[in-house]
Protein backbone atom coordinates (compact mmCIF):
# COMPACT_ATOMS: atom_id res chain seq x y z
CA MET A 1 0.25 0.02 0.01
CA ALA A 2 1.39 3.28 -0.96
CA GLU A 3 3.06 5.48 1.82
CA PRO A 4 0.86 8.55 2.66
CA PRO A 5 2.44 12.07 1.64
CA GLY A 6 4.82 13.10 4.78
CA ALA A 7 5.00 10.20 6.22
CA PRO A 8 8.16 9.82 7.90
CA HIS A 9 10.50 7.21 6.66
CA ARG A 10 11.48 5.67 9.83
CA THR A 11 14.60 2.86 9.99
CA THR A 12 16.93 1.72 12.55
CA GLY A 13 19.14 1.74 9.17
CA SER A 14 21.08 4.34 7.00
CA THR A 15 19.09 7.43 5.63
CA LEU A 16 21.66 7.46 2.65
CA LEU A 17 18.97 6.70 0.25
CA HIS A 18 16.09 8.07 1.86
CA PRO A 19 16.19 10.28 -1.68
CA LEU A 20 16.07 7.46 -3.90
CA SER A 21 13.01 5.76 -1.48
CA ALA A 22 11.01 9.26 -1.73
CA LEU A 23 11.60 9.63 -5.23
CA LEU A 24 10.21 5.68 -6.41
CA GLY A 25 7.95 5.49 -3.38
CA ILE A 26 9.44 2.39 -1.73
CA PRO A 27 9.98 2.01 1.91
CA LEU A 28 13.86 2.71 2.51
CA ASP A 29 14.42 -0.13 4.56
CA GLN A 30 13.50 -1.99 1.50
CA ILE A 31 16.34 0.00 -0.40
CA ASN A 32 18.72 -0.71 2.01
CA PHE A 33 18.71 -4.06 1.71
CA VAL A 34 18.12 -4.56 -2.20
CA ALA A 35 21.22 -1.73 -2.58
CA CYS A 36 23.06 -4.32 -0.02
CA GLN A 37 22.50 -7.30 -1.64
CA LEU A 38 23.17 -5.82 -5.32
CA PHE A 39 26.42 -4.22 -3.84
CA ALA A 40 27.38 -7.75 -2.23
CA LEU A 41 27.18 -9.26 -5.68
CA LEU A 42 29.46 -6.45 -7.38
CA ALA A 43 31.90 -6.96 -4.20
CA ALA A 44 31.86 -10.42 -4.64
CA PHE A 45 32.98 -10.78 -8.32
CA TRP A 46 36.00 -8.14 -7.01
CA PHE A 47 37.01 -10.71 -4.06
CA ARG A 48 37.20 -13.45 -6.59
CA ILE A 49 39.44 -11.46 -8.92
CA TYR A 50 41.28 -9.31 -6.49
CA LEU A 51 41.73 -11.31 -3.33
CA SER A 52 41.74 -14.66 -4.58
CA PRO A 53 44.18 -17.13 -2.62
CA SER A 54 46.72 -16.69 -4.82
CA HIS A 55 46.71 -12.64 -4.40
CA ALA A 56 46.18 -12.48 -0.79
CA SER A 57 46.24 -14.46 2.28
CA SER A 58 43.87 -15.77 4.33
CA ALA A 59 44.06 -13.41 7.06
CA VAL A 60 43.22 -10.64 4.31
CA ARG A 61 40.09 -12.12 3.16
CA HIS A 62 38.59 -13.20 6.51
CA ALA A 63 39.36 -9.54 7.33
CA PHE A 64 37.82 -8.29 4.34
CA ALA A 65 34.65 -10.83 4.60
CA THR A 66 34.02 -9.35 8.14
CA LEU A 67 34.94 -6.09 7.74
CA PHE A 68 32.37 -5.31 4.93
CA GLY A 69 29.80 -7.77 6.79
CA ILE A 70 29.77 -5.64 9.45
CA TYR A 71 29.30 -2.36 7.45
CA PHE A 72 26.36 -4.59 5.68
CA ALA A 73 24.59 -5.46 9.11
CA VAL A 74 25.34 -1.75 10.48
CA PHE A 75 24.09 -0.15 6.89
CA CYS A 76 20.76 -1.79 6.95
CA PHE A 77 19.69 -2.50 10.48
CA GLY A 78 21.73 0.17 12.70
CA TRP A 79 21.57 -0.32 16.17
CA TYR A 80 19.78 -3.65 15.79
CA SER A 81 22.92 -5.08 14.55
CA ILE A 82 23.76 -5.04 18.29
CA HIS A 83 22.13 -8.08 19.05
CA LEU A 84 24.13 -9.95 16.32
CA PHE A 85 27.49 -8.72 17.46
CA VAL A 86 26.49 -9.73 21.28
CA LEU A 87 25.07 -12.82 20.37
CA VAL A 88 28.24 -13.69 18.07
CA MET A 89 30.93 -12.39 20.93
CA MET A 90 28.65 -14.29 24.03
CA ASN A 91 28.82 -18.13 21.92
CA TYR A 92 32.93 -17.32 21.00
CA GLY A 93 33.29 -16.92 24.55
CA ILE A 94 30.97 -20.03 24.89
CA MET A 95 33.14 -21.98 22.74
CA ASN A 96 36.59 -21.14 24.49
CA MET A 97 35.35 -21.61 27.52
CA ALA A 98 33.23 -24.15 27.95
CA SER A 99 34.05 -28.16 28.55
CA VAL A 100 34.33 -30.20 25.15
CA PRO A 101 31.13 -32.20 25.97
CA ASN A 102 29.18 -29.30 26.92
CA ILE A 103 29.93 -27.01 24.45
CA HIS A 104 27.07 -27.72 21.86
CA ARG A 105 24.82 -28.23 24.03
CA TYR A 106 25.38 -24.70 25.78
CA SER A 107 26.51 -22.75 22.49
CA PHE A 108 22.33 -24.28 21.15
CA VAL A 109 20.78 -23.22 24.36
CA VAL A 110 21.88 -19.64 24.46
CA ALA A 111 21.57 -19.04 20.43
CA MET A 112 18.22 -20.59 20.75
CA GLY A 113 17.16 -18.33 24.43
CA TYR A 114 18.72 -15.18 22.65
CA LEU A 115 16.61 -15.10 19.21
CA THR A 116 13.28 -16.67 21.18
CA LEU A 117 13.54 -13.56 23.32
CA CYS A 118 14.28 -11.09 20.69
CA HIS A 119 10.95 -13.32 18.88
CA ILE A 120 8.99 -12.12 22.03
CA SER A 121 10.37 -8.55 22.07
CA ARG A 122 9.57 -7.98 19.03
CA ILE A 123 6.01 -9.27 19.17
CA TYR A 124 4.87 -8.81 22.92
CA ILE A 125 6.78 -5.97 24.14
CA PHE A 126 7.03 -3.42 21.40
CA HIS A 127 4.12 -4.87 19.30
CA TYR A 128 5.57 -5.59 16.21
CA GLY A 129 3.04 -8.23 14.55
CA ILE A 130 0.30 -8.27 16.34
CA LEU A 131 -3.15 -8.28 14.85
CA THR A 132 -3.94 -4.05 13.57
CA THR A 133 -6.97 -2.67 15.29
CA ASP A 134 -9.10 -0.46 12.76
CA PHE A 135 -10.14 1.74 15.69
CA SER A 136 -13.94 3.70 15.68
CA GLY A 137 -12.53 7.32 15.36
CA SER A 138 -9.49 8.83 13.54
CA CYS A 139 -6.65 6.85 12.68
CA VAL A 140 -3.30 7.73 11.36
CA VAL A 141 -1.45 5.29 9.07
CA GLU A 142 2.47 5.24 9.29
CA LYS A 143 5.19 3.13 8.22
CA ASP A 144 7.17 1.76 10.99
CA MET A 145 10.33 1.48 9.50
CA ARG A 146 11.96 -0.43 12.90
CA CYS A 147 10.57 -3.56 11.47
CA GLY A 148 9.41 -3.08 8.02
CA LEU A 149 5.57 -3.22 8.95
CA THR A 150 2.89 -0.48 8.73
CA THR A 151 1.61 0.85 12.21
CA VAL A 152 -1.59 2.15 13.35
CA ARG A 153 -1.79 4.50 16.16
CA ALA A 154 -4.98 4.20 17.86
CA GLU A 155 -6.56 7.84 18.53
CA GLY A 156 -9.69 8.40 20.01
CA ASP A 157 -11.83 5.41 22.02
CA ASN A 158 -9.70 3.29 24.03
CA HIS A 159 -12.36 0.20 24.09
CA CYS A 160 -12.06 -0.98 20.84
CA PRO A 161 -12.60 -4.68 20.22
CA GLY A 162 -8.80 -6.31 19.60
CA PRO A 163 -7.56 -9.70 18.15
CA ALA A 164 -9.11 -12.81 19.79
CA GLY A 165 -11.97 -10.51 21.85
CA HIS A 166 -8.96 -8.25 23.78
CA THR A 167 -9.28 -4.71 24.18
CA ILE A 168 -6.67 -2.08 23.59
CA ALA A 169 -6.59 0.33 26.66
CA ASP A 170 -3.73 2.24 25.73
CA THR A 171 -4.95 4.98 22.74
CA GLY A 172 -1.49 5.70 21.60
CA GLN A 173 -0.50 1.99 21.16
CA ASP A 174 0.70 0.75 18.70
CA SER A 175 0.06 -2.29 16.76
CA THR A 176 1.51 -4.19 13.42
CA GLY A 177 -0.51 -6.08 11.03
CA LEU A 178 -1.38 -10.01 11.33
CA LEU A 179 -0.18 -10.31 7.83
CA GLY A 180 2.40 -7.78 8.41
CA HIS A 181 5.00 -10.81 8.33
CA LEU A 182 4.58 -13.52 5.55
CA GLY A 183 7.08 -16.00 6.87
CA THR A 184 9.46 -18.27 5.43
CA ARG A 185 12.29 -20.74 7.08
CA TRP A 186 15.07 -18.01 7.01
CA LEU A 187 13.64 -14.74 4.88
CA VAL A 188 10.77 -12.80 4.23
CA PHE A 189 10.71 -10.72 1.21
CA SER A 190 8.03 -8.85 -0.55
CA GLN A 191 6.78 -5.74 -2.41
CA LEU A 192 10.25 -5.62 -3.34
CA LEU A 193 10.20 -2.62 -6.44
CA THR A 194 6.25 -1.41 -6.47
CA SER A 195 3.80 0.16 -4.11
CA THR A 196 0.22 -0.39 -5.44
CA PRO A 197 -3.35 0.44 -3.81
CA MET A 198 -4.77 -2.36 -1.87
CA GLY A 199 -6.67 -4.76 -4.06
CA PRO A 200 -10.48 -5.54 -2.99
CA PHE A 201 -9.36 -9.28 -1.50
CA GLN A 202 -7.26 -7.30 1.02
CA ALA A 203 -9.73 -4.66 1.68
CA THR A 204 -12.09 -7.91 2.41
CA LEU A 205 -9.92 -9.82 5.11
CA GLN A 206 -9.60 -6.12 6.55
CA ASN A 207 -13.07 -5.25 7.09
CA MET A 208 -13.37 -8.68 8.34
CA TYR A 209 -10.65 -8.97 11.00
CA ASP A 210 -9.63 -5.37 11.17
CA ILE A 211 -6.22 -6.55 9.78
CA LYS A 212 -4.02 -4.03 8.25
CA TYR A 213 -2.00 -5.15 5.90
CA ASP A 214 1.40 -2.89 5.05
CA ASP A 215 4.42 -3.52 2.56
CA VAL A 216 6.15 -6.65 3.45
CA THR A 217 10.19 -6.04 4.00
CA ARG A 218 12.65 -8.65 4.88
CA GLU A 219 12.73 -9.01 8.77
CA LYS A 220 15.23 -7.82 11.18
CA ARG A 221 15.48 -10.74 12.87
CA SER A 222 16.20 -12.93 9.80
CA PRO A 223 20.44 -12.22 10.22
CA LEU A 224 19.65 -13.38 13.40
CA MET A 225 18.34 -16.44 12.37
CA ILE A 226 21.19 -17.23 10.00
CA ILE A 227 23.41 -16.69 12.68
CA THR A 228 21.83 -18.89 15.18
CA GLN A 229 22.03 -21.70 12.68
CA LYS A 230 25.90 -21.04 12.11
CA ILE A 231 26.73 -20.71 16.14
CA THR A 232 24.73 -23.78 16.61
CA THR A 233 26.65 -25.96 12.98
CA LEU A 234 29.87 -24.71 14.19
CA ALA A 235 28.95 -25.94 17.99
CA CYS A 236 28.11 -29.53 17.07
CA GLN A 237 30.78 -30.17 14.75
CA LEU A 238 33.32 -28.68 17.27
CA HIS A 239 31.80 -31.21 19.85
CA ASP A 240 32.12 -34.22 16.88
CA GLY A 241 35.75 -33.05 15.84
CA ILE A 242 37.36 -32.63 19.65
CA GLY A 243 34.59 -34.38 21.62
CA ARG A 244 33.75 -37.69 20.19
CA GLN A 245 35.38 -40.75 18.64
CA ALA A 246 35.21 -41.32 15.35
CA GLU A 247 33.52 -44.24 15.52
CA GLU A 248 30.35 -42.56 17.24
CA LEU A 249 30.07 -40.05 14.23
CA THR A 250 27.91 -40.70 11.27
CA ALA A 251 29.71 -40.87 7.60
CA GLU A 252 28.86 -37.01 7.74
CA GLN A 253 29.86 -35.79 10.79
CA ASN A 254 33.19 -37.16 10.49
CA ARG A 255 33.30 -35.23 7.23
CA LEU A 256 32.31 -32.12 8.60
CA ALA A 257 33.88 -32.76 12.02
CA VAL A 258 36.17 -29.71 13.44
CA LYS A 259 38.65 -30.48 15.06
CA SER A 260 40.26 -27.39 16.59
CA ARG A 261 38.63 -24.39 18.26
CA PRO A 262 38.69 -21.77 15.37
CA SER A 263 40.54 -18.32 15.89
CA LEU A 264 38.91 -14.70 16.28
CA LEU A 265 39.26 -13.66 12.89
CA GLU A 266 38.02 -17.01 11.52
CA TYR A 267 34.67 -16.93 13.70
CA LEU A 268 33.67 -13.56 12.98
CA SER A 269 34.71 -14.13 9.16
CA TYR A 270 32.18 -17.53 9.64
CA LEU A 271 29.53 -15.77 10.86
CA LEU A 272 29.53 -12.49 9.74
CA ASN A 273 30.91 -12.58 6.07
CA PHE A 274 28.95 -10.05 3.44
CA MET A 275 28.47 -12.76 1.44
CA SER A 276 25.83 -14.14 4.10
CA ILE A 277 24.82 -11.90 6.71
CA ILE A 278 21.89 -10.36 5.01
CA ALA A 279 20.08 -13.08 3.44
CA GLY A 280 22.18 -16.31 4.08
CA PRO A 281 22.18 -19.26 4.14
CA CYS A 282 24.26 -21.02 6.47
CA SER A 283 27.00 -23.14 4.94
CA ASN A 284 29.15 -25.96 6.92
CA TYR A 285 32.13 -24.65 8.74
CA LYS A 286 34.88 -26.85 7.04
CA ASP A 287 33.87 -25.45 3.68
CA TYR A 288 34.10 -22.17 4.24
CA ILE A 289 37.06 -22.23 5.52
CA ALA A 290 38.45 -24.18 2.52
CA PHE A 291 36.91 -21.57 0.40
CA ILE A 292 38.79 -18.53 1.83
CA GLU A 293 42.20 -20.28 1.94
CA GLY A 294 41.61 -21.63 -1.87
CA ARG A 295 41.06 -25.22 -1.22
CA HIS A 296 37.40 -25.52 -1.92
CA VAL A 297 37.16 -26.15 -5.22
CA HIS A 298 39.64 -28.57 -5.62
CA MET A 299 38.87 -30.27 -2.40
CA LYS A 300 35.51 -30.65 -3.89
CA LEU A 301 36.79 -32.08 -7.15
CA LEU A 302 38.66 -34.86 -5.41
CA GLU A 303 35.66 -35.72 -3.30
CA VAL A 304 34.19 -36.70 -7.38
CA ASN A 305 37.20 -38.03 -8.81
CA TRP A 306 38.00 -35.31 -11.71
CA LYS A 307 39.90 -37.69 -13.86
CA GLN A 308 37.11 -39.98 -14.45
CA LYS A 309 35.34 -37.18 -15.80
CA GLY A 310 36.89 -36.26 -18.85
CA TYR A 311 39.64 -33.77 -17.41
CA ASP A 312 43.61 -34.40 -18.12
CA ARG A 313 44.12 -32.07 -15.27
CA LEU A 314 42.99 -30.41 -12.46
CA PRO A 315 39.92 -28.17 -13.65
CA ASP A 316 39.62 -24.56 -12.61
CA PRO A 317 35.52 -24.37 -12.93
CA SER A 318 34.18 -20.53 -12.73
CA PRO A 319 31.20 -19.58 -11.51
CA THR A 320 30.18 -16.95 -14.08
CA GLY A 321 27.69 -18.81 -15.99
CA ALA A 322 25.55 -20.30 -13.00
CA VAL A 323 25.83 -16.76 -11.54
CA MET A 324 24.25 -15.19 -14.88
CA TYR A 325 21.72 -18.26 -14.82
CA LYS A 326 20.33 -17.62 -11.17
CA LEU A 327 20.07 -13.72 -11.93
CA CYS A 328 18.57 -14.51 -14.71
CA ILE A 329 15.64 -16.93 -12.09
CA THR A 330 15.44 -14.34 -9.59
CA LEU A 331 14.50 -11.45 -13.14
CA VAL A 332 11.71 -13.83 -13.90
CA SER A 333 11.14 -14.53 -9.94
CA LEU A 334 10.36 -10.91 -9.36
CA ILE A 335 8.58 -10.57 -12.22
CA LEU A 336 5.89 -13.13 -11.18
CA PHE A 337 6.10 -11.38 -7.93
CA LEU A 338 4.82 -8.16 -9.78
CA THR A 339 1.97 -9.88 -11.64
CA LEU A 340 1.09 -12.91 -10.22
CA THR A 341 1.44 -12.32 -6.28
CA LYS A 342 -0.88 -9.67 -5.86
CA ASN A 343 -3.34 -10.75 -7.74
CA PHE A 344 -3.69 -14.05 -5.73
CA PRO A 345 -3.80 -12.97 -1.73
CA MET A 346 -4.03 -16.10 0.79
CA ALA A 347 -6.68 -14.11 2.38
CA TYR A 348 -9.22 -14.67 -0.06
CA ILE A 349 -9.36 -18.50 1.27
CA ILE A 350 -11.22 -17.07 4.52
CA ASP A 351 -13.72 -14.67 2.82
CA ASN A 352 -17.12 -14.98 3.93
CA GLU A 353 -18.59 -14.51 0.62
CA PHE A 354 -15.91 -16.95 -1.08
CA LEU A 355 -16.99 -19.30 1.03
CA ASP A 356 -20.34 -19.39 0.56
CA LYS A 357 -20.12 -19.18 -3.08
CA THR A 358 -17.36 -21.60 -4.30
CA PRO A 359 -17.78 -25.39 -4.00
CA PHE A 360 -15.28 -27.45 -2.21
CA LEU A 361 -12.97 -28.73 -4.66
CA SER A 362 -13.11 -25.03 -6.25
CA ARG A 363 -11.71 -24.07 -3.10
CA LEU A 364 -8.87 -26.19 -3.33
CA GLY A 365 -7.93 -25.41 -6.54
CA TYR A 366 -7.65 -21.94 -5.60
CA LEU A 367 -5.74 -22.88 -2.35
CA TYR A 368 -3.08 -24.07 -4.69
CA VAL A 369 -3.09 -21.18 -7.15
CA VAL A 370 -2.35 -18.28 -4.06
CA THR A 371 0.07 -21.03 -2.52
CA GLN A 372 1.67 -20.77 -6.16
CA ALA A 373 1.29 -17.00 -6.16
CA ALA A 374 3.07 -16.62 -3.27
CA LYS A 375 6.50 -18.49 -3.85
CA PRO A 376 8.33 -16.25 -6.40
CA LYS A 377 9.14 -13.89 -3.72
CA TYR A 378 11.05 -16.60 -2.01
CA TYR A 379 12.45 -18.17 -5.26
CA PHE A 380 14.11 -14.34 -5.69
CA ALA A 381 15.66 -13.38 -2.23
CA TRP A 382 16.85 -17.24 -2.11
CA THR A 383 18.53 -17.86 -5.48
CA LEU A 384 19.50 -14.04 -5.22
CA ALA A 385 21.87 -14.85 -2.23
CA ASP A 386 23.13 -18.04 -4.09
CA ALA A 387 24.46 -15.97 -6.86
CA VAL A 388 26.59 -13.93 -4.67
CA ASN A 389 28.18 -16.58 -2.75
CA ASN A 390 28.95 -18.12 -6.20
CA ALA A 391 29.82 -15.03 -7.69
CA ALA A 392 32.47 -14.67 -4.69
CA GLY A 393 33.93 -18.27 -5.62
CA TYR A 394 31.82 -20.17 -2.89
CA GLY A 395 29.40 -23.05 -3.50
CA PHE A 396 31.00 -25.13 -5.93
CA SER A 397 29.99 -29.28 -5.11
CA GLY A 398 31.66 -30.95 -7.62
CA VAL A 399 30.98 -32.22 -11.55
CA ASP A 400 27.49 -33.80 -12.28
CA GLU A 401 27.44 -37.15 -14.21
CA ARG A 402 27.55 -35.08 -17.16
CA GLY A 403 30.88 -33.75 -16.83
CA THR A 404 29.24 -30.46 -16.02
CA PHE A 405 30.62 -28.25 -13.13
CA ARG A 406 27.96 -28.12 -9.94
CA TRP A 407 27.61 -24.81 -8.14
CA ASP A 408 24.84 -25.51 -5.58
CA LEU A 409 26.72 -26.16 -2.70
CA LEU A 410 24.50 -23.39 -0.94
CA SER A 411 21.32 -23.55 -2.77
CA ASN A 412 18.17 -23.11 -0.78
CA LEU A 413 15.80 -24.53 -3.02
CA ASN A 414 15.23 -27.09 -6.56
CA ILE A 415 12.59 -25.24 -8.11
CA TRP A 416 11.96 -28.30 -10.58
CA ASN A 417 12.17 -30.78 -7.59
CA ILE A 418 9.29 -28.37 -5.59
CA GLU A 419 6.87 -27.95 -8.05
CA THR A 420 7.11 -31.82 -9.24
CA ALA A 421 7.51 -33.28 -5.86
CA THR A 422 5.37 -36.47 -5.28
CA SER A 423 6.09 -36.76 -1.56
CA PHE A 424 5.61 -34.73 1.54
CA LYS A 425 9.65 -35.39 1.85
CA MET A 426 10.51 -34.61 -1.37
CA TYR A 427 8.94 -30.82 -1.11
CA ILE A 428 10.36 -30.29 2.32
CA GLU A 429 13.60 -31.53 0.96
CA ASN A 430 13.90 -28.95 -1.26
CA TRP A 431 12.35 -26.09 -0.34
CA ASN A 432 14.95 -24.23 2.14
CA ILE A 433 17.24 -26.54 1.78
CA GLN A 434 20.13 -25.49 3.76
CA THR A 435 17.82 -24.44 6.88
CA ALA A 436 16.59 -28.13 6.39
CA ALA A 437 20.44 -29.25 6.72
CA TRP A 438 21.00 -27.42 9.61
CA LEU A 439 17.91 -28.67 11.43
CA LYS A 440 19.00 -32.53 10.27
CA ARG A 441 22.70 -32.08 11.22
CA VAL A 442 21.92 -30.49 15.03
CA CYS A 443 18.16 -32.19 15.66
CA TYR A 444 17.40 -34.93 13.48
CA ASP A 445 20.66 -36.93 13.73
CA ARG A 446 21.27 -36.29 17.72
CA ALA A 447 17.98 -36.94 19.14
CA PRO A 448 17.61 -39.82 20.95
CA TRP A 449 14.38 -40.28 20.62
CA TYR A 450 11.74 -38.69 18.33
CA PRO A 451 13.68 -37.07 15.71
CA THR A 452 10.45 -36.34 13.70
CA ALA A 453 8.45 -34.44 15.81
CA LEU A 454 11.88 -32.45 17.69
CA THR A 455 12.82 -31.34 14.48
CA PHE A 456 8.96 -29.87 13.36
CA ILE A 457 9.09 -28.34 17.32
CA LEU A 458 12.94 -26.85 16.93
CA SER A 459 12.18 -25.37 13.18
CA ALA A 460 8.90 -23.56 14.61
CA LEU A 461 10.69 -22.48 17.38
CA TRP A 462 13.82 -20.81 15.51
CA HIS A 463 11.20 -19.48 12.77
CA GLY A 464 9.05 -17.63 15.97
CA ILE A 465 6.44 -17.69 18.68
CA TYR A 466 3.40 -16.79 16.27
CA PRO A 467 0.46 -19.80 16.37
CA GLY A 468 0.09 -19.87 12.93
CA TYR A 469 3.80 -21.39 13.00
CA TYR A 470 3.28 -24.42 15.72
CA PHE A 471 0.01 -24.81 13.55
CA THR A 472 1.62 -25.74 10.22
CA PHE A 473 4.93 -27.99 11.80
CA LEU A 474 2.08 -30.03 14.10
CA THR A 475 -0.19 -30.72 11.09
CA GLY A 476 3.55 -31.42 9.41
CA ILE A 477 4.13 -33.57 11.83
CA LEU A 478 1.10 -35.60 10.99
CA ILE A 479 1.08 -35.35 7.38
CA THR A 480 4.64 -36.96 7.28
CA LEU A 481 3.64 -39.54 9.20
CA ALA A 482 0.81 -40.38 7.28
CA ALA A 483 2.32 -39.91 4.21
CA ARG A 484 5.11 -42.23 5.20
CA ALA A 485 2.71 -45.06 5.99
CA ILE A 486 0.99 -44.69 2.97
CA ARG A 487 4.45 -45.09 1.04
CA ASN A 488 5.74 -48.15 2.67
CA ASN A 489 2.21 -49.95 2.29
CA CYS A 490 1.00 -48.80 -0.83
CA ARG A 491 3.89 -47.77 -3.06
CA HIS A 492 5.13 -51.22 -4.55
CA TYR A 493 1.94 -52.16 -5.60
CA PHE A 494 2.34 -49.72 -8.65
CA LEU A 495 5.49 -50.26 -9.57
CA SER A 496 4.84 -53.59 -11.63
CA SER A 497 3.83 -51.57 -15.30
CA VAL A 498 4.74 -48.29 -16.60
CA PRO A 499 0.92 -47.13 -16.27
CA LEU A 500 0.59 -47.66 -12.68
CA LYS A 501 3.50 -45.76 -11.97
CA ILE A 502 2.60 -42.96 -13.95
CA ALA A 503 -1.03 -42.93 -12.27
CA TYR A 504 0.57 -43.15 -9.05
CA ASP A 505 2.78 -40.42 -9.67
CA VAL A 506 0.43 -38.08 -11.04
CA VAL A 507 -2.13 -38.86 -7.94
CA THR A 508 0.55 -38.68 -5.07
CA TRP A 509 1.56 -35.16 -7.10
CA ALA A 510 -1.77 -33.64 -6.94
CA VAL A 511 -1.98 -35.42 -2.97
CA THR A 512 1.18 -33.99 -1.84
CA GLN A 513 0.83 -30.02 -3.84
CA LEU A 514 -2.68 -30.26 -1.91
CA ALA A 515 -1.04 -31.52 1.33
CA VAL A 516 1.50 -28.32 1.41
CA CYS A 517 -0.85 -25.57 0.81
CA TYR A 518 -3.68 -26.73 3.52
CA THR A 519 0.26 -26.53 5.91
CA VAL A 520 1.10 -23.84 5.29
CA ALA A 521 -1.80 -21.90 5.42
CA PRO A 522 -1.44 -20.78 9.13
CA PHE A 523 1.95 -19.75 8.90
CA VAL A 524 1.04 -17.24 6.31
CA MET A 525 -2.23 -16.20 8.42
CA LEU A 526 0.37 -16.69 11.68
CA ALA A 527 -3.08 -15.95 14.03
CA VAL A 528 -5.23 -18.57 15.80
CA GLU A 529 -8.92 -17.21 14.46
CA PRO A 530 -8.16 -17.05 10.78
CA THR A 531 -6.36 -20.91 10.70
CA ILE A 532 -8.85 -22.14 12.45
CA LYS A 533 -11.47 -20.67 10.31
CA PHE A 534 -9.35 -21.73 7.15
CA TYR A 535 -9.45 -25.26 8.54
CA LYS A 536 -13.32 -25.52 9.36
CA SER A 537 -13.89 -24.71 5.79
CA VAL A 538 -11.96 -27.36 4.36
CA TYR A 539 -13.38 -29.45 7.07
CA PHE A 540 -9.75 -30.63 8.38
CA HIS A 541 -9.90 -33.47 5.74
CA MET A 542 -6.24 -33.18 5.52
CA HIS A 543 -6.05 -33.74 10.21
CA ILE A 544 -9.18 -36.58 9.70
CA LEU A 545 -7.92 -38.36 6.84
CA SER A 546 -4.37 -38.64 8.00
CA ILE A 547 -5.30 -39.93 11.82
CA LEU A 548 -7.50 -42.78 9.60
CA VAL A 549 -4.02 -43.37 7.75
CA LEU A 550 -1.89 -43.56 10.67
CA LEU A 551 -4.61 -45.63 12.68
CA LEU A 552 -5.58 -48.42 9.57
CA LEU A 553 -2.16 -48.90 7.58
CA PRO A 554 0.61 -50.48 9.52
CA VAL A 555 3.08 -48.46 10.11
CA ARG A 556 6.90 -49.60 10.23
CA PRO A 557 8.79 -47.25 11.42
CA GLN A 558 12.84 -47.67 11.36
CA THR A 559 14.29 -46.66 14.94
CA HIS A 560 16.71 -43.57 15.38
CA SER A 561 18.90 -46.41 16.85
CA VAL A 562 18.72 -48.48 13.86
CA ARG A 563 19.65 -45.86 11.19
CA ARG A 564 22.49 -44.84 13.83
CA ALA A 565 23.84 -48.48 13.36
CA GLN A 566 23.37 -48.65 9.90
CA ASN A 567 25.03 -45.31 9.17
CA GLN A 568 28.15 -46.47 11.59
CA THR A 569 28.06 -49.82 9.05
CA LYS A 570 28.71 -47.37 5.96
CA LEU A 571 31.55 -45.09 7.84
CA ASN A 572 33.47 -48.41 9.13
CA SER A 573 32.62 -49.74 5.26
CA ALA A 574 34.34 -46.73 4.09
CA LYS A 575 37.09 -47.15 6.35
CA SER A 576 38.42 -50.72 4.76
CA LYS A 577 38.24 -49.60 1.86
CA ASP A 578 40.11 -46.91 2.69
CA LYS A 579 42.96 -48.55 4.02
């Protein structure tokens, strides 16, 4: 929604680009975010060419990456960046002073605890991200650039109906829009380059729930969430390297184990480098250090045995082609967002008139459409972040079966696999890939019991404390278990012929896509009331079907201890071959 004339451009970050923000009519913090990402892209090319390992020492590369990252954080977030630095330094102290058996535990508790306190303070103390109440009497709309949300300042009668029947007693209290935070596992990025008037669907939902829509930008919690991932990743891998025996580790844990504590410069560079400080993604410490020291590409080539790929000498792959390809994806995603996303709001699925006049199957079809329309902004943000890392020479993952160089080590999504997923598990594995990998490494692989449930709970806690997140992840647990039961009990019956396999794939694709749409709707709605209304409107059908599947089909779970034993067998087998 366009900002009213004279509205203050408030931001905790830099105001240097205020004239550009005023000229384009785009909120200043969005301008700062995009400017930093584009400047990071240019700096990444310069970093790879002029500060390559052959031209500069590792210390210089670490220092440059750290200083630019700190500058970007301060430029975008201003005083809020203090939270990043405080958390980083607290955990550096823990890493050096805590006992080896407890490094990962203390680091996890402090990092997740600090992040959760920031989630709570943002919502319940500073009133960021709460339902906006449309007050009777005069109402002044203004942009709250502290968190990129639209703020309504109440004036007049102080006994106005608030969310879920609450009353807001302070006539000067700020409250912010329910859908001001559209949610994602590590980044919210919306209404990037334009401001448009409120559409009829948004106006309808505002009238229904007194929800105030706004121009959404990236969350200031996002860098803190990314740094939390990195801190806990390094702590776990350091514990694996110096606190556990090799026989106790899985093959992946053994490969990523860190054998010595990093120096302060290495630690700061890993957590605060300019390539990932704004939008991520999280990467493994050993991969990052190998990149800084110039061993990254060679290390990955040796892992795939480059001689068997037809090269007579060690190749030196360039990321330029991969970067250009990913920039094209970001451009297409941006165009789709500007032309598609705004015309299909998620809000309409709980509009009373829509629910009254639209048949059940048509409502499911529209749910699929609006979910598809919401994806381009995530495709844009994550692909651009991937391109920034690749431009610096980071993200090489080896050579594929056709001999083509791959630059997807840090990719956060696989669009083709997402859109063609035939199982809930396949969809999750290809969406926000680096966060899924983090959850697997710090929780799923280490949980002594109920790894699936604990992983979903950690994911919800990491995202924040909005009720919608927990509806989404608890629903996800149920659907994941049901989908696993169906696959284990039924899939083998459809593998006997090609037509049956095609029919099975078509049906499972449709069910998977609808299950995902059903599951993520609360993630967008955030609050309890619209979530319950949505699930009532579709008769809780996925919940009911999932429960019936779990009750009727025999469940053949693979215990966590069995998986660990199998992983250990693979590791021992690999060691035997090396000998």
